[in-house]
């Protein structure tokens, strides 16, 4: 079936001598992997449309096996991302997270919009850690590994929340905290930030900044949480650490 799909290139891989395997996150079909024949040839018309982070329209032959990109049109090359090592690293991280956690061909219009807004933010801003964390929490929900953030994971109370338990998978209240001596204490401000990051879309916020210490605490929690429940190691996290972004 020949179908026009719109989305982002979230992964590229050389295939044989002249082809590429391209993974797209699309509005219509979710995550789709297709072959772009000849995309590694210097003069190929497929070169521009198969670059990382490109947002475009792809005329694709969808099959039960490996699909084939017939042609494409670039809507946004996201050149500003590819020409900046920091922006590239942020975009690579959320692309790898999307590629590794989502199942194939399960469309999700909300997550698609969140990826679109997050990529736009990365392109337009120098600092993107906060929208990246907001996107991570959205994708955890879709992948079925979301932490419990709106109540105590153990007793379900909404009162006196004061720590995050990696072992239990979410926030714990004052009374339940002693059940995990390794839980991370969170101030009321941090709990509200975590809940906001979880429940609010990046398209619903303007410029947002938090204390560096608060950002580092939330980053630590998300990294430890993913390592326990995510299941797939993220190569791009090492790059973020090397650039001292995490």
C-alpha atoms as a PDB file:
ATOM      1  CA  UNK A   1       0.000   0.000   0.000  1.00  0.00           C
ATOM      2  CA  UNK A   2       1.412   3.380  -1.063  1.00  0.00           C
ATOM      3  CA  UNK A   3       0.843   5.955   1.663  1.00  0.00           C
ATOM      4  CA  UNK A   4       1.896   9.542   2.382  1.00  0.00           C
ATOM      5  CA  UNK A   5       3.144   9.848   5.966  1.00  0.00           C
ATOM      6  CA  UNK A   6       4.474  12.842   7.877  1.00  0.00           C
ATOM      7  CA  UNK A   7       7.056  12.719  10.618  1.00  0.00           C
ATOM      8  CA  UNK A   8      10.606  12.893  11.938  1.00  0.00           C
ATOM      9  CA  UNK A   9      13.676  10.849  11.083  1.00  0.00           C
ATOM     10  CA  UNK A  10      14.654   9.410  14.472  1.00  0.00           C
ATOM     11  CA  UNK A  11      17.218   6.840  13.303  1.00  0.00           C
ATOM     12  CA  UNK A  12      19.369   6.219  10.244  1.00  0.00           C
ATOM     13  CA  UNK A  13      21.473   3.170   9.479  1.00  0.00           C
ATOM     14  CA  UNK A  14      23.565   2.308   6.434  1.00  0.00           C
ATOM     15  CA  UNK A  15      22.264  -0.713   4.567  1.00  0.00           C
ATOM     16  CA  UNK A  16      24.576  -2.500   2.176  1.00  0.00           C
ATOM     17  CA  UNK A  17      26.646  -0.110   0.048  1.00  0.00           C
ATOM     18  CA  UNK A  18      24.205   2.507  -1.165  1.00  0.00           C
ATOM     19  CA  UNK A  19      20.986   2.230   0.838  1.00  0.00           C
ATOM     20  CA  UNK A  20      19.793   3.413   4.240  1.00  0.00           C
ATOM     21  CA  UNK A  21      17.334   2.062   6.761  1.00  0.00           C
ATOM     22  CA  UNK A  22      15.316   4.990   8.091  1.00  0.00           C
ATOM     23  CA  UNK A  23      13.135   4.910  11.196  1.00  0.00           C
ATOM     24  CA  UNK A  24      10.414   7.548  11.253  1.00  0.00           C
ATOM     25  CA  UNK A  25       8.089   8.632  14.007  1.00  0.00           C
ATOM     26  CA  UNK A  26       4.974   9.590  12.097  1.00  0.00           C
ATOM     27  CA  UNK A  27       1.617  11.135  12.758  1.00  0.00           C
ATOM     28  CA  UNK A  28      -0.274   8.485  10.819  1.00  0.00           C
ATOM     29  CA  UNK A  29       1.425   5.206  11.767  1.00  0.00           C
ATOM     30  CA  UNK A  30       3.660   5.861  14.751  1.00  0.00           C
ATOM     31  CA  UNK A  31       7.118   4.329  14.453  1.00  0.00           C
ATOM     32  CA  UNK A  32       7.925   2.966  10.990  1.00  0.00           C
ATOM     33  CA  UNK A  33      11.190   1.612   9.557  1.00  0.00           C
ATOM     34  CA  UNK A  34      11.693   1.723   5.798  1.00  0.00           C
ATOM     35  CA  UNK A  35      14.482   1.365   3.284  1.00  0.00           C
ATOM     36  CA  UNK A  36      15.591   4.393   1.278  1.00  0.00           C
ATOM     37  CA  UNK A  37      17.274   2.938  -1.792  1.00  0.00           C
ATOM     38  CA  UNK A  38      20.306   4.824  -3.060  1.00  0.00           C
ATOM     39  CA  UNK A  39      20.244   7.289  -0.154  1.00  0.00           C
ATOM     40  CA  UNK A  40      24.010   6.898   0.340  1.00  0.00           C
ATOM     41  CA  UNK A  41      24.788   7.974  -3.213  1.00  0.00           C
ATOM     42  CA  UNK A  42      26.061  11.587  -3.233  1.00  0.00           C
ATOM     43  CA  UNK A  43      23.685  12.735  -5.970  1.00  0.00           C
ATOM     44  CA  UNK A  44      20.648  10.825  -4.790  1.00  0.00           C
ATOM     45  CA  UNK A  45      17.397  12.741  -4.394  1.00  0.00           C
ATOM     46  CA  UNK A  46      16.975  10.796  -1.118  1.00  0.00           C
ATOM     47  CA  UNK A  47      19.989  12.358   0.615  1.00  0.00           C
ATOM     48  CA  UNK A  48      18.229  15.458   1.973  1.00  0.00           C
ATOM     49  CA  UNK A  49      15.107  13.673   3.210  1.00  0.00           C
ATOM     50  CA  UNK A  50      17.029  10.961   5.096  1.00  0.00           C
ATOM     51  CA  UNK A  51      19.163  13.171   7.368  1.00  0.00           C
ATOM     52  CA  UNK A  52      18.746  12.861  11.156  1.00  0.00           C
ATOM     53  CA  UNK A  53      15.958  14.985  12.700  1.00  0.00           C
ATOM     54  CA  UNK A  54      14.460  15.948   9.337  1.00  0.00           C
ATOM     55  CA  UNK A  55      10.740  16.627   9.486  1.00  0.00           C
ATOM     56  CA  UNK A  56       9.031  15.875   6.199  1.00  0.00           C
ATOM     57  CA  UNK A  57       6.466  14.116   4.079  1.00  0.00           C
ATOM     58  CA  UNK A  58       7.371  10.618   2.937  1.00  0.00           C
ATOM     59  CA  UNK A  59       5.652   8.750   0.132  1.00  0.00           C
ATOM     60  CA  UNK A  60       6.151   5.228   1.410  1.00  0.00           C
ATOM     61  CA  UNK A  61       5.186   1.774   0.243  1.00  0.00           C
ATOM     62  CA  UNK A  62       3.940   0.186   3.481  1.00  0.00           C
ATOM     63  CA  UNK A  63       4.242  -3.575   3.658  1.00  0.00           C
ATOM     64  CA  UNK A  64       3.981  -6.214   6.354  1.00  0.00           C
ATOM     65  CA  UNK A  65       7.758  -6.594   6.147  1.00  0.00           C
ATOM     66  CA  UNK A  66      10.245  -3.829   5.351  1.00  0.00           C
ATOM     67  CA  UNK A  67       8.587  -0.756   3.872  1.00  0.00           C
ATOM     68  CA  UNK A  68      10.174   1.388   1.150  1.00  0.00           C
ATOM     69  CA  UNK A  69      10.423   5.166   0.923  1.00  0.00           C
ATOM     70  CA  UNK A  70       9.674   6.101  -2.669  1.00  0.00           C
ATOM     71  CA  UNK A  71      10.246   9.858  -2.346  1.00  0.00           C
ATOM     72  CA  UNK A  72      10.072  12.625   0.198  1.00  0.00           C
ATOM     73  CA  UNK A  73       9.733  16.336   0.713  1.00  0.00           C
ATOM     74  CA  UNK A  74      11.497  18.228   3.511  1.00  0.00           C
ATOM     75  CA  UNK A  75       9.231  20.394   5.653  1.00  0.00           C
ATOM     76  CA  UNK A  76      11.948  21.370   8.129  1.00  0.00           C
ATOM     77  CA  UNK A  77      15.552  20.215   7.866  1.00  0.00           C
ATOM     78  CA  UNK A  78      16.278  21.202  11.477  1.00  0.00           C
ATOM     79  CA  UNK A  79      19.676  22.367  10.306  1.00  0.00           C
ATOM     80  CA  UNK A  80      20.169  24.447  13.450  1.00  0.00           C
ATOM     81  CA  UNK A  81      20.047  21.232  15.451  1.00  0.00           C
ATOM     82  CA  UNK A  82      22.488  19.323  13.245  1.00  0.00           C
ATOM     83  CA  UNK A  83      24.992  22.211  13.160  1.00  0.00           C
ATOM     84  CA  UNK A  84      25.205  22.536  16.963  1.00  0.00           C
ATOM     85  CA  UNK A  85      26.739  19.703  18.991  1.00  0.00           C
ATOM     86  CA  UNK A  86      24.670  20.473  22.108  1.00  0.00           C
ATOM     87  CA  UNK A  87      21.379  20.616  20.208  1.00  0.00           C
ATOM     88  CA  UNK A  88      22.349  17.474  18.280  1.00  0.00           C
ATOM     89  CA  UNK A  89      22.984  15.629  21.533  1.00  0.00           C
ATOM     90  CA  UNK A  90      19.623  16.604  23.028  1.00  0.00           C
ATOM     91  CA  UNK A  91      17.776  15.659  19.832  1.00  0.00           C
ATOM     92  CA  UNK A  92      19.699  12.386  19.545  1.00  0.00           C
ATOM     93  CA  UNK A  93      18.743  11.464  23.102  1.00  0.00           C
ATOM     94  CA  UNK A  94      15.005  11.902  22.643  1.00  0.00           C
ATOM     95  CA  UNK A  95      15.191  10.237  19.222  1.00  0.00           C
ATOM     96  CA  UNK A  96      16.928   7.174  20.659  1.00  0.00           C
ATOM     97  CA  UNK A  97      14.492   7.072  23.570  1.00  0.00           C
ATOM     98  CA  UNK A  98      11.567   7.169  21.122  1.00  0.00           C
ATOM     99  CA  UNK A  99      13.104   4.496  18.921  1.00  0.00           C
ATOM    100  CA  UNK A 100      13.880   2.099  21.764  1.00  0.00           C
ATOM    101  CA  UNK A 101      10.739   2.395  23.898  1.00  0.00           C
ATOM    102  CA  UNK A 102       7.882   2.580  21.393  1.00  0.00           C
ATOM    103  CA  UNK A 103       6.384  -0.378  19.596  1.00  0.00           C
ATOM    104  CA  UNK A 104       6.168  -0.319  15.810  1.00  0.00           C
ATOM    105  CA  UNK A 105       3.152   1.102  14.020  1.00  0.00           C
ATOM    106  CA  UNK A 106       1.193   2.331  17.016  1.00  0.00           C
ATOM    107  CA  UNK A 107       0.114   5.874  16.235  1.00  0.00           C
ATOM    108  CA  UNK A 108      -0.172   8.341  19.105  1.00  0.00           C
ATOM    109  CA  UNK A 109      -1.114  11.846  18.045  1.00  0.00           C
ATOM    110  CA  UNK A 110      -0.420  13.366  21.472  1.00  0.00           C
ATOM    111  CA  UNK A 111       3.127  12.008  21.719  1.00  0.00           C
ATOM    112  CA  UNK A 112       3.730  12.978  18.100  1.00  0.00           C
ATOM    113  CA  UNK A 113       2.797  16.589  18.919  1.00  0.00           C
ATOM    114  CA  UNK A 114       5.013  16.511  22.007  1.00  0.00           C
ATOM    115  CA  UNK A 115       7.986  15.342  19.933  1.00  0.00           C
ATOM    116  CA  UNK A 116       7.292  18.074  17.398  1.00  0.00           C
ATOM    117  CA  UNK A 117       7.163  20.776  20.083  1.00  0.00           C
ATOM    118  CA  UNK A 118      10.254  19.404  21.825  1.00  0.00           C
ATOM    119  CA  UNK A 119      12.282  19.405  18.602  1.00  0.00           C
ATOM    120  CA  UNK A 120      11.155  22.983  17.958  1.00  0.00           C
ATOM    121  CA  UNK A 121      12.271  23.970  21.445  1.00  0.00           C
ATOM    122  CA  UNK A 122      15.676  22.341  20.966  1.00  0.00           C
ATOM    123  CA  UNK A 123      16.083  24.157  17.666  1.00  0.00           C
ATOM    124  CA  UNK A 124      15.154  27.562  19.122  1.00  0.00           C
ATOM    125  CA  UNK A 125      16.785  27.454  22.584  1.00  0.00           C
ATOM    126  CA  UNK A 126      20.243  26.859  24.000  1.00  0.00           C
ATOM    127  CA  UNK A 127      19.016  24.997  27.105  1.00  0.00           C
ATOM    128  CA  UNK A 128      16.674  22.058  26.559  1.00  0.00           C
ATOM    129  CA  UNK A 129      16.989  19.826  29.629  1.00  0.00           C
ATOM    130  CA  UNK A 130      13.554  20.727  31.030  1.00  0.00           C
ATOM    131  CA  UNK A 131      11.515  20.038  27.853  1.00  0.00           C
ATOM    132  CA  UNK A 132      13.571  16.884  27.373  1.00  0.00           C
ATOM    133  CA  UNK A 133      12.555  15.640  30.826  1.00  0.00           C
ATOM    134  CA  UNK A 134       8.934  16.573  30.107  1.00  0.00           C
ATOM    135  CA  UNK A 135       9.061  14.516  26.916  1.00  0.00           C
ATOM    136  CA  UNK A 136      10.658  11.581  28.730  1.00  0.00           C
ATOM    137  CA  UNK A 137       7.797  11.396  31.206  1.00  0.00           C
ATOM    138  CA  UNK A 138       5.253  11.481  28.358  1.00  0.00           C
ATOM    139  CA  UNK A 139       6.951   8.625  26.569  1.00  0.00           C
ATOM    140  CA  UNK A 140       7.123   6.578  29.781  1.00  0.00           C
ATOM    141  CA  UNK A 141       3.325   6.724  29.922  1.00  0.00           C
ATOM    142  CA  UNK A 142       2.975   5.442  26.358  1.00  0.00           C
ATOM    143  CA  UNK A 143       5.569   2.723  26.939  1.00  0.00           C
ATOM    144  CA  UNK A 144       3.781   1.548  30.091  1.00  0.00           C
ATOM    145  CA  UNK A 145       6.630   2.327  32.488  1.00  0.00           C
ATOM    146  CA  UNK A 146       5.329   5.566  33.976  1.00  0.00           C
ATOM    147  CA  UNK A 147       6.202   6.286  37.629  1.00  0.00           C
ATOM    148  CA  UNK A 148       3.426   7.060  40.097  1.00  0.00           C
ATOM    149  CA  UNK A 149       3.680  10.805  40.657  1.00  0.00           C
ATOM    150  CA  UNK A 150       0.233  12.082  41.664  1.00  0.00           C
ATOM    151  CA  UNK A 151      -0.049  10.003  44.848  1.00  0.00           C
ATOM    152  CA  UNK A 152       1.947   7.744  47.156  1.00  0.00           C
ATOM    153  CA  UNK A 153       2.839   4.608  45.237  1.00  0.00           C
ATOM    154  CA  UNK A 154       2.366   2.498  48.390  1.00  0.00           C
ATOM    155  CA  UNK A 155      -0.734   3.815  50.157  1.00  0.00           C
ATOM    156  CA  UNK A 156      -2.259   6.009  47.400  1.00  0.00           C
ATOM    157  CA  UNK A 157      -2.588   9.074  49.617  1.00  0.00           C
ATOM    158  CA  UNK A 158      -2.154  12.478  47.990  1.00  0.00           C
ATOM    159  CA  UNK A 159      -0.963  14.071  51.231  1.00  0.00           C
ATOM    160  CA  UNK A 160       2.503  14.577  52.706  1.00  0.00           C
ATOM    161  CA  UNK A 161       4.390  13.341  49.659  1.00  0.00           C
ATOM    162  CA  UNK A 162       8.081  13.839  50.346  1.00  0.00           C
ATOM    163  CA  UNK A 163      10.364  11.436  48.480  1.00  0.00           C
ATOM    164  CA  UNK A 164      10.839   9.434  45.268  1.00  0.00           C
ATOM    165  CA  UNK A 165      11.452   5.708  45.553  1.00  0.00           C
ATOM    166  CA  UNK A 166      13.202   4.106  42.590  1.00  0.00           C
ATOM    167  CA  UNK A 167      12.573   0.642  44.048  1.00  0.00           C
ATOM    168  CA  UNK A 168       8.823   1.219  44.479  1.00  0.00           C
ATOM    169  CA  UNK A 169       8.420   3.181  41.255  1.00  0.00           C
ATOM    170  CA  UNK A 170       7.159   6.568  42.336  1.00  0.00           C
ATOM    171  CA  UNK A 171       6.515   9.104  45.050  1.00  0.00           C
ATOM    172  CA  UNK A 172       6.134   7.996  48.643  1.00  0.00           C
ATOM    173  CA  UNK A 173       4.542   9.847  51.528  1.00  0.00           C
ATOM    174  CA  UNK A 174       6.034  10.691  54.892  1.00  0.00           C
ATOM    175  CA  UNK A 175       4.592   7.587  56.563  1.00  0.00           C
ATOM    176  CA  UNK A 176       5.707   5.167  53.833  1.00  0.00           C
ATOM    177  CA  UNK A 177       9.164   6.578  53.215  1.00  0.00           C
ATOM    178  CA  UNK A 178      10.828   4.339  55.805  1.00  0.00           C
ATOM    179  CA  UNK A 179       9.983   1.326  53.626  1.00  0.00           C
ATOM    180  CA  UNK A 180      12.705   2.447  51.217  1.00  0.00           C
ATOM    181  CA  UNK A 181      15.783   3.843  52.999  1.00  0.00           C
ATOM    182  CA  UNK A 182      17.255   4.759  49.594  1.00  0.00           C
ATOM    183  CA  UNK A 183      14.361   7.001  48.555  1.00  0.00           C
ATOM    184  CA  UNK A 184      15.334  10.515  47.423  1.00  0.00           C
ATOM    185  CA  UNK A 185      13.922  13.375  49.494  1.00  0.00           C
ATOM    186  CA  UNK A 186      12.096  16.003  47.435  1.00  0.00           C
ATOM    187  CA  UNK A 187      11.013  19.448  48.566  1.00  0.00           C
ATOM    188  CA  UNK A 188       7.388  20.459  47.918  1.00  0.00           C
ATOM    189  CA  UNK A 189       8.679  22.617  45.045  1.00  0.00           C
ATOM    190  CA  UNK A 190      10.411  19.656  43.431  1.00  0.00           C
ATOM    191  CA  UNK A 191       7.322  17.479  43.784  1.00  0.00           C
ATOM    192  CA  UNK A 192       5.200  20.147  42.096  1.00  0.00           C
ATOM    193  CA  UNK A 193       7.764  20.468  39.305  1.00  0.00           C
ATOM    194  CA  UNK A 194       7.835  16.705  38.757  1.00  0.00           C
ATOM    195  CA  UNK A 195       4.045  16.582  38.635  1.00  0.00           C
ATOM    196  CA  UNK A 196       3.943  19.510  36.230  1.00  0.00           C
ATOM    197  CA  UNK A 197       6.552  17.907  33.980  1.00  0.00           C
ATOM    198  CA  UNK A 198       4.469  14.729  33.978  1.00  0.00           C
ATOM    199  CA  UNK A 199       1.056  16.262  33.359  1.00  0.00           C
ATOM    200  CA  UNK A 200       1.665  19.363  31.226  1.00  0.00           C
ATOM    201  CA  UNK A 201       2.689  19.395  27.575  1.00  0.00           C
ATOM    202  CA  UNK A 202       5.682  21.410  26.428  1.00  0.00           C
ATOM    203  CA  UNK A 203       3.296  23.335  24.166  1.00  0.00           C
ATOM    204  CA  UNK A 204       1.513  24.621  27.285  1.00  0.00           C
ATOM    205  CA  UNK A 205       4.536  26.347  28.832  1.00  0.00           C
ATOM    206  CA  UNK A 206       6.550  29.374  27.841  1.00  0.00           C
ATOM    207  CA  UNK A 207      10.090  30.010  28.976  1.00  0.00           C
ATOM    208  CA  UNK A 208      10.784  27.939  32.074  1.00  0.00           C
ATOM    209  CA  UNK A 209      13.848  27.707  34.257  1.00  0.00           C
ATOM    210  CA  UNK A 210      14.608  26.054  37.593  1.00  0.00           C
ATOM    211  CA  UNK A 211      17.537  25.998  39.984  1.00  0.00           C
ATOM    212  CA  UNK A 212      20.443  23.925  38.734  1.00  0.00           C
ATOM    213  CA  UNK A 213      20.376  21.830  41.909  1.00  0.00           C
ATOM    214  CA  UNK A 214      16.692  21.025  41.366  1.00  0.00           C
ATOM    215  CA  UNK A 215      17.350  20.139  37.743  1.00  0.00           C
ATOM    216  CA  UNK A 216      20.186  17.802  38.777  1.00  0.00           C
ATOM    217  CA  UNK A 217      17.978  16.061  41.343  1.00  0.00           C
ATOM    218  CA  UNK A 218      15.187  15.440  38.822  1.00  0.00           C
ATOM    219  CA  UNK A 219      17.739  14.310  36.235  1.00  0.00           C
ATOM    220  CA  UNK A 220      19.193  11.813  38.703  1.00  0.00           C
ATOM    221  CA  UNK A 221      15.740  10.417  39.480  1.00  0.00           C
ATOM    222  CA  UNK A 222      14.799   9.988  35.815  1.00  0.00           C
ATOM    223  CA  UNK A 223      18.114   8.333  34.953  1.00  0.00           C
ATOM    224  CA  UNK A 224      17.921   5.896  37.869  1.00  0.00           C
ATOM    225  CA  UNK A 225      14.270   5.184  37.139  1.00  0.00           C
ATOM    226  CA  UNK A 226      14.908   4.441  33.463  1.00  0.00           C
ATOM    227  CA  UNK A 227      17.874   2.211  34.279  1.00  0.00           C
ATOM    228  CA  UNK A 228      15.598   0.100  36.477  1.00  0.00           C
ATOM    229  CA  UNK A 229      12.464  -0.011  34.327  1.00  0.00           C
ATOM    230  CA  UNK A 230      13.388   1.066  30.799  1.00  0.00           C
ATOM    231  CA  UNK A 231      15.030  -2.149  29.687  1.00  0.00           C
ATOM    232  CA  UNK A 232      17.163  -0.686  26.868  1.00  0.00           C
ATOM    233  CA  UNK A 233      20.488   1.096  27.497  1.00  0.00           C
ATOM    234  CA  UNK A 234      20.762   4.523  25.861  1.00  0.00           C
ATOM    235  CA  UNK A 235      24.050   5.187  24.086  1.00  0.00           C
ATOM    236  CA  UNK A 236      23.320   8.896  23.782  1.00  0.00           C
ATOM    237  CA  UNK A 237      23.230   9.306  27.560  1.00  0.00           C
ATOM    238  CA  UNK A 238      26.978   8.681  27.606  1.00  0.00           C
ATOM    239  CA  UNK A 239      27.426  11.571  25.177  1.00  0.00           C
ATOM    240  CA  UNK A 240      25.255  13.816  27.366  1.00  0.00           C
ATOM    241  CA  UNK A 241      27.417  12.895  30.350  1.00  0.00           C
ATOM    242  CA  UNK A 242      30.611  13.603  28.415  1.00  0.00           C
ATOM    243  CA  UNK A 243      29.304  17.056  27.542  1.00  0.00           C
ATOM    244  CA  UNK A 244      28.314  17.539  31.202  1.00  0.00           C
ATOM    245  CA  UNK A 245      24.679  18.004  30.233  1.00  0.00           C
ATOM    246  CA  UNK A 246      23.391  15.399  32.668  1.00  0.00           C
END
